Amino acid sequence: LQHACPAAAAADAAADTNPEGHSRAIGLDYAYFGARDPEQDENASAPDYVCPAACSVLILEELKHEPVLKSRLSADMLKHAAAVICLDLKAPWTMMEDLRQWLEVLQRLTSEMTQQLPLGEQDQLRERVVSTIANFKEVDDTSEVTETGSASLVYNMGIPIVVVVTRADGASNLDSQKTAGWSETIEAYLRNECLSYGAALIYTMCQAKNA
């Protein structure tokens, strides 16, 4: 890390005269926040509520800083780790390329760390992923739980993977006559890519649909 202080990092970023430009002054960012069961949302409104668990998050924004992330990871972390890849629907023309590049980074990192573990632990990590996918159940609009069965898992990295498509409300810009069907095509390609890795696919919006 170049700075532990966000203000100092922002000052350096503003003073950077590199013609190529940088989005951030920090190669690897860090966050720490509470985590709770969604079923406890009512309890969470209490003023004395304390989250029963917390997550430490390492945030990598540029591929060239992969070695920095690697230096902060260890094989023992895998059993408690998950990976989240964020994509931006405001730039759909780069989404598939970005997704594949970040998946390649994950493959390299998890492969090296997994090989440092005993064979028994390696099998446990992979079996946990297979079991989670095989036993996944989806609640449809009628609140009925249906089993989806096992996905076409091709690459098992031994950790849960979540692909988050941010600013999904930007899909409304693809509803013109010229771009008709683009949203469905993008979603189909993303789903097919995620299936190979057993990755969950989540869409987030900047604002509610009725706003």
N, C-alpha and C. Protein backbone atom coordinates (compact mmCIF):
# COMPACT_ATOMS: atom_id res chain seq x y z
N LEU A 1 0.84 -1.19 0.00
CA LEU A 1 0.00 0.00 0.00
C LEU A 1 0.87 1.24 0.00
N GLN A 2 0.46 2.20 -0.79
CA GLN A 2 1.23 3.43 -0.82
C GLN A 2 0.86 4.35 0.34
N HIS A 3 -0.42 4.32 0.71
CA HIS A 3 -0.88 5.18 1.80
C HIS A 3 -1.96 4.46 2.59
N ALA A 4 -1.93 4.61 3.90
CA ALA A 4 -3.02 4.11 4.71
C ALA A 4 -4.10 5.18 4.84
N CYS A 5 -3.76 6.41 4.53
CA CYS A 5 -4.67 7.54 4.67
C CYS A 5 -5.32 7.86 3.32
N PRO A 6 -6.64 7.75 3.18
CA PRO A 6 -7.31 8.06 1.91
C PRO A 6 -7.05 9.48 1.43
N ALA A 7 -6.98 10.44 2.38
CA ALA A 7 -6.74 11.82 1.99
C ALA A 7 -5.37 11.98 1.34
N ALA A 8 -4.35 11.29 1.91
CA ALA A 8 -3.02 11.36 1.33
C ALA A 8 -2.98 10.71 -0.04
N ALA A 9 -3.70 9.59 -0.18
CA ALA A 9 -3.75 8.92 -1.47
C ALA A 9 -4.41 9.80 -2.52
N ALA A 10 -5.50 10.48 -2.12
CA ALA A 10 -6.19 11.36 -3.05
C ALA A 10 -5.31 12.53 -3.48
N ALA A 11 -4.51 13.04 -2.54
CA ALA A 11 -3.61 14.14 -2.86
C ALA A 11 -2.55 13.71 -3.86
N ASP A 12 -2.01 12.51 -3.67
CA ASP A 12 -1.02 12.00 -4.61
C ASP A 12 -1.64 11.78 -5.98
N ALA A 13 -2.87 11.29 -6.01
CA ALA A 13 -3.52 11.04 -7.28
C ALA A 13 -3.74 12.33 -8.05
N ALA A 14 -4.11 13.40 -7.32
CA ALA A 14 -4.34 14.68 -7.96
C ALA A 14 -3.04 15.28 -8.49
N ALA A 15 -1.93 14.98 -7.81
CA ALA A 15 -0.64 15.54 -8.22
C ALA A 15 0.06 14.71 -9.27
N ASP A 16 -0.46 13.55 -9.60
CA ASP A 16 0.18 12.66 -10.55
C ASP A 16 0.08 13.25 -11.96
N THR A 17 1.22 13.43 -12.60
CA THR A 17 1.26 14.01 -13.95
C THR A 17 1.51 12.98 -15.02
N ASN A 18 1.40 11.71 -14.69
CA ASN A 18 1.60 10.65 -15.66
C ASN A 18 0.61 10.81 -16.81
N PRO A 19 1.06 10.92 -18.05
CA PRO A 19 0.15 11.14 -19.18
C PRO A 19 -0.85 10.00 -19.36
N GLU A 20 -0.53 8.79 -18.89
CA GLU A 20 -1.45 7.68 -19.06
C GLU A 20 -2.62 7.79 -18.09
N GLY A 21 -2.43 8.47 -17.00
CA GLY A 21 -3.50 8.66 -16.03
C GLY A 21 -3.70 7.45 -15.14
N HIS A 22 -4.21 7.67 -13.96
CA HIS A 22 -4.49 6.59 -13.01
C HIS A 22 -5.83 6.86 -12.36
N SER A 23 -6.60 5.82 -12.12
CA SER A 23 -7.88 5.98 -11.46
C SER A 23 -7.70 6.07 -9.95
N ARG A 24 -6.63 5.48 -9.44
CA ARG A 24 -6.39 5.49 -8.00
C ARG A 24 -4.87 5.57 -7.76
N ALA A 25 -4.53 6.01 -6.53
CA ALA A 25 -3.12 6.06 -6.17
C ALA A 25 -2.71 4.80 -5.42
N ILE A 26 -3.66 3.93 -5.10
CA ILE A 26 -3.39 2.74 -4.30
C ILE A 26 -3.45 1.50 -5.19
N GLY A 27 -2.39 0.70 -5.15
CA GLY A 27 -2.37 -0.52 -5.95
C GLY A 27 -3.33 -1.56 -5.41
N LEU A 28 -3.43 -1.67 -4.09
CA LEU A 28 -4.31 -2.63 -3.44
C LEU A 28 -5.03 -1.94 -2.30
N ASP A 29 -6.36 -1.96 -2.37
CA ASP A 29 -7.15 -1.29 -1.34
C ASP A 29 -7.67 -2.33 -0.34
N TYR A 30 -8.17 -1.84 0.79
CA TYR A 30 -8.63 -2.73 1.87
C TYR A 30 -9.90 -2.18 2.49
N ALA A 31 -10.81 -3.08 2.83
CA ALA A 31 -12.03 -2.68 3.53
C ALA A 31 -12.36 -3.71 4.60
N TYR A 32 -13.10 -3.27 5.61
CA TYR A 32 -13.48 -4.15 6.72
C TYR A 32 -14.88 -3.75 7.15
N PHE A 33 -15.82 -4.69 7.08
CA PHE A 33 -17.19 -4.33 7.42
C PHE A 33 -17.92 -5.52 8.04
N GLY A 34 -19.00 -5.19 8.75
CA GLY A 34 -19.78 -6.22 9.41
C GLY A 34 -20.61 -7.02 8.42
N ALA A 35 -20.92 -8.25 8.79
CA ALA A 35 -21.74 -9.12 7.94
C ALA A 35 -22.80 -9.79 8.82
N ARG A 36 -24.03 -9.85 8.31
CA ARG A 36 -25.11 -10.45 9.09
C ARG A 36 -26.02 -11.28 8.19
N ASP A 37 -26.78 -12.12 8.82
CA ASP A 37 -27.77 -12.93 8.13
C ASP A 37 -28.92 -12.03 7.70
N PRO A 38 -29.33 -12.08 6.39
CA PRO A 38 -30.45 -11.23 5.94
C PRO A 38 -31.73 -11.43 6.76
N GLU A 39 -31.89 -12.59 7.36
CA GLU A 39 -33.08 -12.86 8.16
C GLU A 39 -33.09 -12.06 9.46
N GLN A 40 -31.96 -11.45 9.79
CA GLN A 40 -31.87 -10.66 11.03
C GLN A 40 -32.01 -9.16 10.77
N ASP A 41 -32.59 -8.79 9.62
CA ASP A 41 -32.72 -7.38 9.28
C ASP A 41 -33.53 -6.61 10.32
N GLU A 42 -34.58 -7.24 10.87
CA GLU A 42 -35.39 -6.55 11.87
C GLU A 42 -34.58 -6.27 13.13
N ASN A 43 -33.79 -7.25 13.55
CA ASN A 43 -32.96 -7.05 14.75
C ASN A 43 -31.88 -6.00 14.51
N ALA A 44 -31.44 -5.87 13.26
CA ALA A 44 -30.34 -4.95 12.95
C ALA A 44 -30.74 -3.50 13.14
N SER A 45 -32.04 -3.21 13.19
CA SER A 45 -32.48 -1.82 13.36
C SER A 45 -32.34 -1.34 14.81
N ALA A 46 -32.11 -2.27 15.73
CA ALA A 46 -31.94 -1.89 17.13
C ALA A 46 -30.65 -1.09 17.33
N PRO A 47 -30.68 -0.05 18.16
CA PRO A 47 -29.48 0.80 18.33
C PRO A 47 -28.29 0.07 18.94
N ASP A 48 -28.55 -1.00 19.70
CA ASP A 48 -27.46 -1.72 20.35
C ASP A 48 -27.06 -2.99 19.59
N TYR A 49 -27.54 -3.11 18.32
CA TYR A 49 -27.24 -4.32 17.55
C TYR A 49 -25.77 -4.34 17.15
N VAL A 50 -25.16 -5.50 17.29
CA VAL A 50 -23.75 -5.69 16.90
C VAL A 50 -23.68 -6.84 15.89
N CYS A 51 -23.05 -6.59 14.77
CA CYS A 51 -22.94 -7.64 13.75
C CYS A 51 -22.16 -8.82 14.32
N PRO A 52 -22.66 -10.04 14.14
CA PRO A 52 -22.00 -11.21 14.72
C PRO A 52 -20.74 -11.63 13.97
N ALA A 53 -20.53 -11.07 12.78
CA ALA A 53 -19.36 -11.47 11.99
C ALA A 53 -18.86 -10.27 11.21
N ALA A 54 -17.68 -10.40 10.66
CA ALA A 54 -17.09 -9.32 9.87
C ALA A 54 -16.27 -9.90 8.72
N CYS A 55 -16.09 -9.08 7.70
CA CYS A 55 -15.33 -9.51 6.51
C CYS A 55 -14.16 -8.56 6.27
N SER A 56 -13.03 -9.13 5.92
CA SER A 56 -11.89 -8.34 5.46
C SER A 56 -11.83 -8.48 3.95
N VAL A 57 -11.73 -7.36 3.26
CA VAL A 57 -11.80 -7.36 1.80
C VAL A 57 -10.54 -6.71 1.22
N LEU A 58 -9.89 -7.41 0.32
CA LEU A 58 -8.79 -6.85 -0.45
C LEU A 58 -9.32 -6.48 -1.83
N ILE A 59 -9.08 -5.25 -2.26
CA ILE A 59 -9.68 -4.72 -3.49
C ILE A 59 -8.58 -4.42 -4.50
N LEU A 60 -8.63 -5.11 -5.62
CA LEU A 60 -7.66 -4.92 -6.70
C LEU A 60 -8.38 -4.35 -7.91
N GLU A 61 -7.90 -3.22 -8.44
CA GLU A 61 -8.58 -2.57 -9.55
C GLU A 61 -7.81 -2.70 -10.86
N GLU A 62 -6.52 -2.95 -10.80
CA GLU A 62 -5.73 -3.02 -12.03
C GLU A 62 -4.94 -4.32 -12.06
N LEU A 63 -4.97 -4.97 -13.22
CA LEU A 63 -4.33 -6.28 -13.37
C LEU A 63 -2.83 -6.23 -13.07
N LYS A 64 -2.20 -5.11 -13.36
CA LYS A 64 -0.75 -5.03 -13.20
C LYS A 64 -0.32 -5.13 -11.73
N HIS A 65 -1.26 -4.94 -10.82
CA HIS A 65 -0.94 -5.02 -9.39
C HIS A 65 -1.23 -6.40 -8.81
N GLU A 66 -1.39 -7.39 -9.65
CA GLU A 66 -1.62 -8.76 -9.18
C GLU A 66 -0.56 -9.23 -8.19
N PRO A 67 0.74 -8.95 -8.43
CA PRO A 67 1.76 -9.39 -7.45
C PRO A 67 1.55 -8.80 -6.05
N VAL A 68 0.99 -7.60 -5.98
CA VAL A 68 0.74 -7.00 -4.66
C VAL A 68 -0.34 -7.79 -3.93
N LEU A 69 -1.38 -8.16 -4.65
CA LEU A 69 -2.44 -8.98 -4.03
C LEU A 69 -1.89 -10.34 -3.63
N LYS A 70 -1.10 -10.93 -4.48
CA LYS A 70 -0.53 -12.25 -4.20
C LYS A 70 0.30 -12.23 -2.92
N SER A 71 1.02 -11.14 -2.68
CA SER A 71 1.87 -11.05 -1.49
C SER A 71 1.07 -10.97 -0.19
N ARG A 72 -0.23 -10.67 -0.30
CA ARG A 72 -1.07 -10.55 0.90
C ARG A 72 -1.90 -11.81 1.14
N LEU A 73 -1.75 -12.81 0.31
CA LEU A 73 -2.57 -14.02 0.42
C LEU A 73 -1.73 -15.20 0.87
N SER A 74 -2.41 -16.17 1.47
CA SER A 74 -1.76 -17.42 1.86
C SER A 74 -2.72 -18.57 1.64
N ALA A 75 -2.18 -19.77 1.54
CA ALA A 75 -3.00 -20.95 1.26
C ALA A 75 -4.03 -21.19 2.36
N ASP A 76 -3.70 -20.86 3.60
CA ASP A 76 -4.62 -21.08 4.72
C ASP A 76 -5.88 -20.23 4.61
N MET A 77 -5.83 -19.16 3.82
CA MET A 77 -6.98 -18.29 3.68
C MET A 77 -8.08 -18.88 2.81
N LEU A 78 -7.75 -19.85 1.98
CA LEU A 78 -8.70 -20.35 1.00
C LEU A 78 -9.99 -20.89 1.62
N LYS A 79 -9.89 -21.56 2.74
CA LYS A 79 -11.07 -22.17 3.34
C LYS A 79 -12.08 -21.14 3.84
N HIS A 80 -11.61 -19.87 4.00
CA HIS A 80 -12.51 -18.82 4.47
C HIS A 80 -12.65 -17.69 3.44
N ALA A 81 -12.27 -17.95 2.19
CA ALA A 81 -12.21 -16.89 1.19
C ALA A 81 -13.30 -17.04 0.13
N ALA A 82 -13.62 -15.92 -0.47
CA ALA A 82 -14.51 -15.88 -1.63
C ALA A 82 -14.00 -14.78 -2.54
N ALA A 83 -14.30 -14.88 -3.82
CA ALA A 83 -13.84 -13.88 -4.79
C ALA A 83 -15.04 -13.19 -5.41
N VAL A 84 -14.96 -11.88 -5.56
CA VAL A 84 -16.01 -11.09 -6.18
C VAL A 84 -15.41 -10.30 -7.35
N ILE A 85 -15.99 -10.47 -8.52
CA ILE A 85 -15.55 -9.74 -9.72
C ILE A 85 -16.64 -8.74 -10.08
N CYS A 86 -16.30 -7.46 -10.13
CA CYS A 86 -17.28 -6.42 -10.45
C CYS A 86 -17.11 -5.95 -11.90
N LEU A 87 -18.23 -5.93 -12.61
CA LEU A 87 -18.27 -5.46 -13.99
C LEU A 87 -19.20 -4.25 -14.07
N ASP A 88 -19.01 -3.44 -15.09
CA ASP A 88 -19.80 -2.21 -15.24
C ASP A 88 -20.63 -2.29 -16.51
N LEU A 89 -21.96 -2.28 -16.34
CA LEU A 89 -22.84 -2.37 -17.50
C LEU A 89 -22.85 -1.08 -18.32
N LYS A 90 -22.26 -0.02 -17.78
CA LYS A 90 -22.16 1.21 -18.55
C LYS A 90 -21.17 1.05 -19.72
N ALA A 91 -20.30 0.03 -19.63
CA ALA A 91 -19.34 -0.26 -20.71
C ALA A 91 -19.47 -1.72 -21.10
N PRO A 92 -20.61 -2.12 -21.69
CA PRO A 92 -20.85 -3.53 -21.98
C PRO A 92 -19.91 -4.14 -23.00
N TRP A 93 -19.28 -3.30 -23.83
CA TRP A 93 -18.40 -3.81 -24.87
C TRP A 93 -17.09 -4.38 -24.32
N THR A 94 -16.79 -4.11 -23.05
CA THR A 94 -15.56 -4.65 -22.47
C THR A 94 -15.83 -5.71 -21.40
N MET A 95 -17.09 -6.00 -21.11
CA MET A 95 -17.44 -6.84 -19.97
C MET A 95 -16.88 -8.26 -20.08
N MET A 96 -17.03 -8.89 -21.24
CA MET A 96 -16.57 -10.27 -21.38
C MET A 96 -15.05 -10.35 -21.29
N GLU A 97 -14.37 -9.41 -21.92
CA GLU A 97 -12.91 -9.39 -21.85
C GLU A 97 -12.44 -9.16 -20.42
N ASP A 98 -13.09 -8.21 -19.73
CA ASP A 98 -12.73 -7.94 -18.33
C ASP A 98 -12.97 -9.17 -17.46
N LEU A 99 -14.13 -9.80 -17.65
CA LEU A 99 -14.46 -10.97 -16.84
C LEU A 99 -13.43 -12.08 -17.04
N ARG A 100 -13.07 -12.36 -18.27
CA ARG A 100 -12.12 -13.44 -18.54
C ARG A 100 -10.73 -13.12 -18.00
N GLN A 101 -10.34 -11.85 -18.06
CA GLN A 101 -9.02 -11.47 -17.53
C GLN A 101 -8.97 -11.67 -16.01
N TRP A 102 -10.05 -11.26 -15.31
CA TRP A 102 -10.06 -11.42 -13.86
C TRP A 102 -10.19 -12.88 -13.45
N LEU A 103 -10.91 -13.67 -14.24
CA LEU A 103 -10.99 -15.10 -13.95
C LEU A 103 -9.63 -15.76 -14.12
N GLU A 104 -8.86 -15.32 -15.10
CA GLU A 104 -7.51 -15.84 -15.29
C GLU A 104 -6.62 -15.49 -14.09
N VAL A 105 -6.77 -14.28 -13.57
CA VAL A 105 -6.02 -13.89 -12.38
C VAL A 105 -6.37 -14.81 -11.21
N LEU A 106 -7.66 -15.06 -11.01
CA LEU A 106 -8.09 -15.95 -9.94
C LEU A 106 -7.55 -17.36 -10.12
N GLN A 107 -7.55 -17.84 -11.35
CA GLN A 107 -7.03 -19.17 -11.61
C GLN A 107 -5.56 -19.29 -11.24
N ARG A 108 -4.79 -18.28 -11.59
CA ARG A 108 -3.36 -18.31 -11.26
C ARG A 108 -3.16 -18.29 -9.75
N LEU A 109 -3.85 -17.39 -9.08
CA LEU A 109 -3.66 -17.24 -7.63
C LEU A 109 -4.11 -18.48 -6.87
N THR A 110 -5.31 -18.96 -7.17
CA THR A 110 -5.85 -20.11 -6.43
C THR A 110 -5.07 -21.38 -6.75
N SER A 111 -4.60 -21.51 -7.99
CA SER A 111 -3.85 -22.71 -8.34
C SER A 111 -2.55 -22.80 -7.55
N GLU A 112 -1.84 -21.68 -7.45
CA GLU A 112 -0.57 -21.68 -6.71
C GLU A 112 -0.80 -21.93 -5.22
N MET A 113 -1.84 -21.32 -4.67
CA MET A 113 -2.09 -21.50 -3.24
C MET A 113 -2.62 -22.90 -2.93
N THR A 114 -3.47 -23.43 -3.80
CA THR A 114 -4.03 -24.76 -3.57
C THR A 114 -2.94 -25.82 -3.55
N GLN A 115 -1.95 -25.67 -4.41
CA GLN A 115 -0.87 -26.65 -4.48
C GLN A 115 -0.02 -26.69 -3.20
N GLN A 116 -0.13 -25.65 -2.39
CA GLN A 116 0.62 -25.63 -1.13
C GLN A 116 -0.09 -26.39 -0.01
N LEU A 117 -1.34 -26.80 -0.27
CA LEU A 117 -2.12 -27.52 0.74
C LEU A 117 -2.01 -29.02 0.57
N PRO A 118 -2.21 -29.80 1.63
CA PRO A 118 -2.25 -31.27 1.50
C PRO A 118 -3.37 -31.68 0.55
N LEU A 119 -3.22 -32.83 -0.09
CA LEU A 119 -4.21 -33.28 -1.06
C LEU A 119 -5.60 -33.38 -0.46
N GLY A 120 -5.68 -33.82 0.80
CA GLY A 120 -6.97 -33.95 1.45
C GLY A 120 -7.70 -32.62 1.55
N GLU A 121 -6.98 -31.56 1.90
CA GLU A 121 -7.58 -30.23 2.01
C GLU A 121 -7.96 -29.68 0.64
N GLN A 122 -7.15 -29.98 -0.37
CA GLN A 122 -7.50 -29.56 -1.73
C GLN A 122 -8.83 -30.17 -2.15
N ASP A 123 -9.00 -31.47 -1.87
CA ASP A 123 -10.24 -32.16 -2.23
C ASP A 123 -11.42 -31.58 -1.47
N GLN A 124 -11.23 -31.24 -0.22
CA GLN A 124 -12.32 -30.68 0.59
C GLN A 124 -12.80 -29.35 0.01
N LEU A 125 -11.86 -28.51 -0.41
CA LEU A 125 -12.23 -27.22 -0.98
C LEU A 125 -13.06 -27.41 -2.25
N ARG A 126 -12.60 -28.29 -3.12
CA ARG A 126 -13.31 -28.50 -4.39
C ARG A 126 -14.66 -29.18 -4.16
N GLU A 127 -14.71 -30.12 -3.23
CA GLU A 127 -15.97 -30.81 -2.94
C GLU A 127 -17.00 -29.85 -2.34
N ARG A 128 -16.53 -28.88 -1.58
CA ARG A 128 -17.46 -27.90 -1.00
C ARG A 128 -18.13 -27.08 -2.09
N VAL A 129 -17.37 -26.70 -3.11
CA VAL A 129 -17.93 -25.95 -4.22
C VAL A 129 -18.94 -26.79 -4.99
N VAL A 130 -18.56 -28.04 -5.29
CA VAL A 130 -19.45 -28.93 -6.03
C VAL A 130 -20.74 -29.17 -5.25
N SER A 131 -20.63 -29.38 -3.95
CA SER A 131 -21.80 -29.63 -3.12
C SER A 131 -22.73 -28.41 -3.07
N THR A 132 -22.15 -27.22 -2.96
CA THR A 132 -22.96 -26.00 -2.91
C THR A 132 -23.76 -25.82 -4.19
N ILE A 133 -23.11 -26.06 -5.32
CA ILE A 133 -23.80 -25.89 -6.60
C ILE A 133 -24.87 -26.96 -6.79
N ALA A 134 -24.54 -28.19 -6.45
CA ALA A 134 -25.48 -29.30 -6.65
C ALA A 134 -26.71 -29.16 -5.77
N ASN A 135 -26.57 -28.57 -4.59
CA ASN A 135 -27.68 -28.46 -3.65
C ASN A 135 -28.36 -27.11 -3.67
N PHE A 136 -27.98 -26.27 -4.63
CA PHE A 136 -28.58 -24.93 -4.71
C PHE A 136 -30.07 -25.04 -5.04
N LYS A 137 -30.89 -24.29 -4.33
CA LYS A 137 -32.33 -24.25 -4.58
C LYS A 137 -32.76 -22.81 -4.78
N GLU A 138 -33.61 -22.61 -5.78
CA GLU A 138 -34.05 -21.27 -6.14
C GLU A 138 -35.51 -21.09 -5.79
N VAL A 139 -35.83 -19.92 -5.23
CA VAL A 139 -37.22 -19.59 -4.90
C VAL A 139 -37.80 -18.79 -6.05
N ASP A 140 -38.86 -19.32 -6.68
CA ASP A 140 -39.46 -18.62 -7.82
C ASP A 140 -40.50 -17.62 -7.34
N ASP A 141 -41.23 -17.04 -8.29
CA ASP A 141 -42.19 -15.98 -7.96
C ASP A 141 -43.34 -16.48 -7.09
N THR A 142 -43.59 -17.78 -7.09
CA THR A 142 -44.68 -18.33 -6.29
C THR A 142 -44.20 -18.79 -4.92
N SER A 143 -42.94 -18.44 -4.59
CA SER A 143 -42.32 -18.80 -3.31
C SER A 143 -42.12 -20.30 -3.17
N GLU A 144 -42.16 -21.02 -4.29
CA GLU A 144 -41.89 -22.45 -4.26
C GLU A 144 -40.41 -22.68 -4.51
N VAL A 145 -39.82 -23.56 -3.73
CA VAL A 145 -38.39 -23.85 -3.86
C VAL A 145 -38.20 -24.96 -4.88
N THR A 146 -37.36 -24.69 -5.87
CA THR A 146 -37.09 -25.68 -6.91
C THR A 146 -35.61 -25.97 -6.96
N GLU A 147 -35.27 -27.23 -7.15
CA GLU A 147 -33.86 -27.61 -7.25
C GLU A 147 -33.38 -27.36 -8.66
N THR A 148 -32.23 -26.70 -8.77
CA THR A 148 -31.69 -26.38 -10.08
C THR A 148 -30.71 -27.44 -10.56
N GLY A 149 -30.28 -28.33 -9.67
CA GLY A 149 -29.34 -29.36 -10.07
C GLY A 149 -27.93 -28.82 -10.15
N SER A 150 -26.99 -29.67 -10.53
CA SER A 150 -25.59 -29.24 -10.60
C SER A 150 -25.33 -28.51 -11.91
N ALA A 151 -24.51 -27.49 -11.84
CA ALA A 151 -24.17 -26.70 -13.01
C ALA A 151 -23.06 -27.38 -13.80
N SER A 152 -22.79 -26.85 -14.97
CA SER A 152 -21.73 -27.40 -15.81
C SER A 152 -20.39 -26.86 -15.34
N LEU A 153 -19.94 -27.35 -14.20
CA LEU A 153 -18.71 -26.86 -13.60
C LEU A 153 -17.50 -27.41 -14.34
N VAL A 154 -16.73 -26.53 -14.94
CA VAL A 154 -15.54 -26.92 -15.70
C VAL A 154 -14.28 -26.57 -14.92
N TYR A 155 -14.24 -25.37 -14.33
CA TYR A 155 -13.08 -24.89 -13.59
C TYR A 155 -13.47 -24.74 -12.12
N ASN A 156 -12.93 -25.60 -11.28
CA ASN A 156 -13.22 -25.56 -9.85
C ASN A 156 -12.02 -24.99 -9.12
N MET A 157 -12.13 -23.75 -8.65
CA MET A 157 -11.01 -23.10 -7.98
C MET A 157 -11.00 -23.36 -6.48
N GLY A 158 -12.04 -24.01 -5.96
CA GLY A 158 -12.07 -24.33 -4.55
C GLY A 158 -12.60 -23.22 -3.66
N ILE A 159 -13.04 -22.11 -4.25
CA ILE A 159 -13.62 -21.01 -3.48
C ILE A 159 -14.89 -20.53 -4.17
N PRO A 160 -15.83 -19.94 -3.43
CA PRO A 160 -17.01 -19.36 -4.07
C PRO A 160 -16.61 -18.15 -4.91
N ILE A 161 -17.26 -18.00 -6.06
CA ILE A 161 -17.00 -16.86 -6.94
C ILE A 161 -18.32 -16.16 -7.22
N VAL A 162 -18.32 -14.85 -7.09
CA VAL A 162 -19.50 -14.04 -7.35
C VAL A 162 -19.15 -12.99 -8.40
N VAL A 163 -19.93 -12.92 -9.46
CA VAL A 163 -19.76 -11.90 -10.49
C VAL A 163 -20.87 -10.88 -10.32
N VAL A 164 -20.50 -9.63 -10.06
CA VAL A 164 -21.46 -8.57 -9.81
C VAL A 164 -21.46 -7.60 -10.98
N VAL A 165 -22.62 -7.43 -11.60
CA VAL A 165 -22.78 -6.46 -12.68
C VAL A 165 -23.34 -5.18 -12.07
N THR A 166 -22.52 -4.16 -11.97
CA THR A 166 -22.94 -2.91 -11.34
C THR A 166 -23.64 -2.00 -12.35
N ARG A 167 -24.37 -1.05 -11.82
CA ARG A 167 -25.13 -0.07 -12.61
C ARG A 167 -25.98 -0.76 -13.67
N ALA A 168 -26.70 -1.81 -13.22
CA ALA A 168 -27.53 -2.57 -14.16
C ALA A 168 -28.68 -1.73 -14.71
N ASP A 169 -29.00 -0.62 -14.06
CA ASP A 169 -30.04 0.25 -14.59
C ASP A 169 -29.60 0.87 -15.92
N GLY A 170 -28.31 0.78 -16.23
CA GLY A 170 -27.83 1.26 -17.51
C GLY A 170 -28.33 0.44 -18.69
N ALA A 171 -28.92 -0.73 -18.39
CA ALA A 171 -29.46 -1.57 -19.46
C ALA A 171 -30.57 -0.87 -20.21
N SER A 172 -31.21 0.12 -19.55
CA SER A 172 -32.28 0.86 -20.22
C SER A 172 -31.77 1.62 -21.43
N ASN A 173 -30.46 1.92 -21.45
CA ASN A 173 -29.88 2.61 -22.61
C ASN A 173 -29.75 1.69 -23.82
N LEU A 174 -29.96 0.39 -23.59
CA LEU A 174 -29.85 -0.57 -24.68
C LEU A 174 -31.21 -0.99 -25.23
N ASP A 175 -32.24 -0.22 -24.87
CA ASP A 175 -33.59 -0.56 -25.29
C ASP A 175 -34.02 0.14 -26.57
N SER A 176 -33.09 0.81 -27.23
CA SER A 176 -33.45 1.50 -28.46
C SER A 176 -33.64 0.50 -29.59
N GLN A 177 -34.20 0.97 -30.68
CA GLN A 177 -34.45 0.08 -31.82
C GLN A 177 -33.14 -0.47 -32.39
N LYS A 178 -32.08 0.33 -32.33
CA LYS A 178 -30.80 -0.09 -32.88
C LYS A 178 -30.13 -1.16 -32.02
N THR A 179 -30.37 -1.12 -30.72
CA THR A 179 -29.71 -2.06 -29.80
C THR A 179 -30.68 -3.08 -29.22
N ALA A 180 -31.77 -3.30 -29.88
CA ALA A 180 -32.78 -4.25 -29.39
C ALA A 180 -32.17 -5.64 -29.26
N GLY A 181 -32.36 -6.27 -28.10
CA GLY A 181 -31.86 -7.62 -27.87
C GLY A 181 -30.46 -7.68 -27.30
N TRP A 182 -29.80 -6.53 -27.18
CA TRP A 182 -28.43 -6.53 -26.66
C TRP A 182 -28.38 -6.97 -25.21
N SER A 183 -29.33 -6.50 -24.40
CA SER A 183 -29.33 -6.85 -22.97
C SER A 183 -29.43 -8.36 -22.78
N GLU A 184 -30.34 -9.00 -23.52
CA GLU A 184 -30.50 -10.45 -23.41
C GLU A 184 -29.26 -11.19 -23.87
N THR A 185 -28.60 -10.67 -24.92
CA THR A 185 -27.38 -11.31 -25.42
C THR A 185 -26.25 -11.21 -24.42
N ILE A 186 -26.10 -10.02 -23.83
CA ILE A 186 -25.06 -9.82 -22.83
C ILE A 186 -25.28 -10.75 -21.65
N GLU A 187 -26.52 -10.84 -21.18
CA GLU A 187 -26.83 -11.70 -20.04
C GLU A 187 -26.55 -13.17 -20.36
N ALA A 188 -26.88 -13.59 -21.58
CA ALA A 188 -26.65 -14.99 -21.97
C ALA A 188 -25.16 -15.32 -21.97
N TYR A 189 -24.34 -14.42 -22.50
CA TYR A 189 -22.90 -14.66 -22.52
C TYR A 189 -22.33 -14.70 -21.11
N LEU A 190 -22.79 -13.78 -20.26
CA LEU A 190 -22.30 -13.76 -18.88
C LEU A 190 -22.69 -15.04 -18.14
N ARG A 191 -23.94 -15.47 -18.31
CA ARG A 191 -24.41 -16.68 -17.62
C ARG A 191 -23.59 -17.90 -18.06
N ASN A 192 -23.35 -18.02 -19.36
CA ASN A 192 -22.58 -19.17 -19.87
C ASN A 192 -21.16 -19.18 -19.31
N GLU A 193 -20.55 -18.01 -19.24
CA GLU A 193 -19.18 -17.92 -18.71
C GLU A 193 -19.16 -18.27 -17.22
N CYS A 194 -20.15 -17.76 -16.48
CA CYS A 194 -20.21 -18.01 -15.05
C CYS A 194 -20.48 -19.48 -14.74
N LEU A 195 -21.29 -20.14 -15.56
CA LEU A 195 -21.60 -21.55 -15.33
C LEU A 195 -20.35 -22.41 -15.31
N SER A 196 -19.39 -22.09 -16.17
CA SER A 196 -18.18 -22.90 -16.24
C SER A 196 -17.37 -22.85 -14.96
N TYR A 197 -17.53 -21.76 -14.20
CA TYR A 197 -16.78 -21.58 -12.96
C TYR A 197 -17.66 -21.77 -11.72
N GLY A 198 -18.93 -22.10 -11.93
CA GLY A 198 -19.84 -22.23 -10.80
C GLY A 198 -20.04 -20.91 -10.08
N ALA A 199 -19.93 -19.81 -10.82
CA ALA A 199 -20.01 -18.48 -10.21
C ALA A 199 -21.44 -17.98 -10.15
N ALA A 200 -21.78 -17.29 -9.05
CA ALA A 200 -23.07 -16.63 -8.93
C ALA A 200 -23.03 -15.33 -9.72
N LEU A 201 -24.15 -14.97 -10.31
CA LEU A 201 -24.25 -13.73 -11.11
C LEU A 201 -25.28 -12.82 -10.47
N ILE A 202 -24.86 -11.63 -10.07
CA ILE A 202 -25.71 -10.68 -9.36
C ILE A 202 -25.71 -9.34 -10.10
N TYR A 203 -26.90 -8.73 -10.16
CA TYR A 203 -27.02 -7.39 -10.77
C TYR A 203 -27.38 -6.38 -9.69
N THR A 204 -26.71 -5.25 -9.70
CA THR A 204 -27.02 -4.18 -8.76
C THR A 204 -27.39 -2.91 -9.54
N MET A 205 -28.20 -2.06 -8.91
CA MET A 205 -28.66 -0.85 -9.57
C MET A 205 -28.31 0.36 -8.72
N CYS A 206 -28.12 1.50 -9.38
CA CYS A 206 -27.84 2.74 -8.66
C CYS A 206 -29.09 3.27 -8.01
N GLN A 207 -30.25 2.97 -8.59
CA GLN A 207 -31.50 3.47 -8.05
C GLN A 207 -32.60 2.46 -8.32
N ALA A 208 -33.68 2.59 -7.57
CA ALA A 208 -34.79 1.68 -7.77
C ALA A 208 -35.43 1.88 -9.13
N LYS A 209 -36.07 0.82 -9.66
CA LYS A 209 -36.66 0.90 -10.99
C LYS A 209 -37.75 1.96 -11.06
N ASN A 210 -38.47 2.17 -9.95
CA ASN A 210 -39.57 3.13 -9.98
C ASN A 210 -39.14 4.54 -9.62
N ALA A 211 -37.83 4.74 -9.49
CA ALA A 211 -37.35 6.09 -9.13
C ALA A 211 -37.27 6.97 -10.37
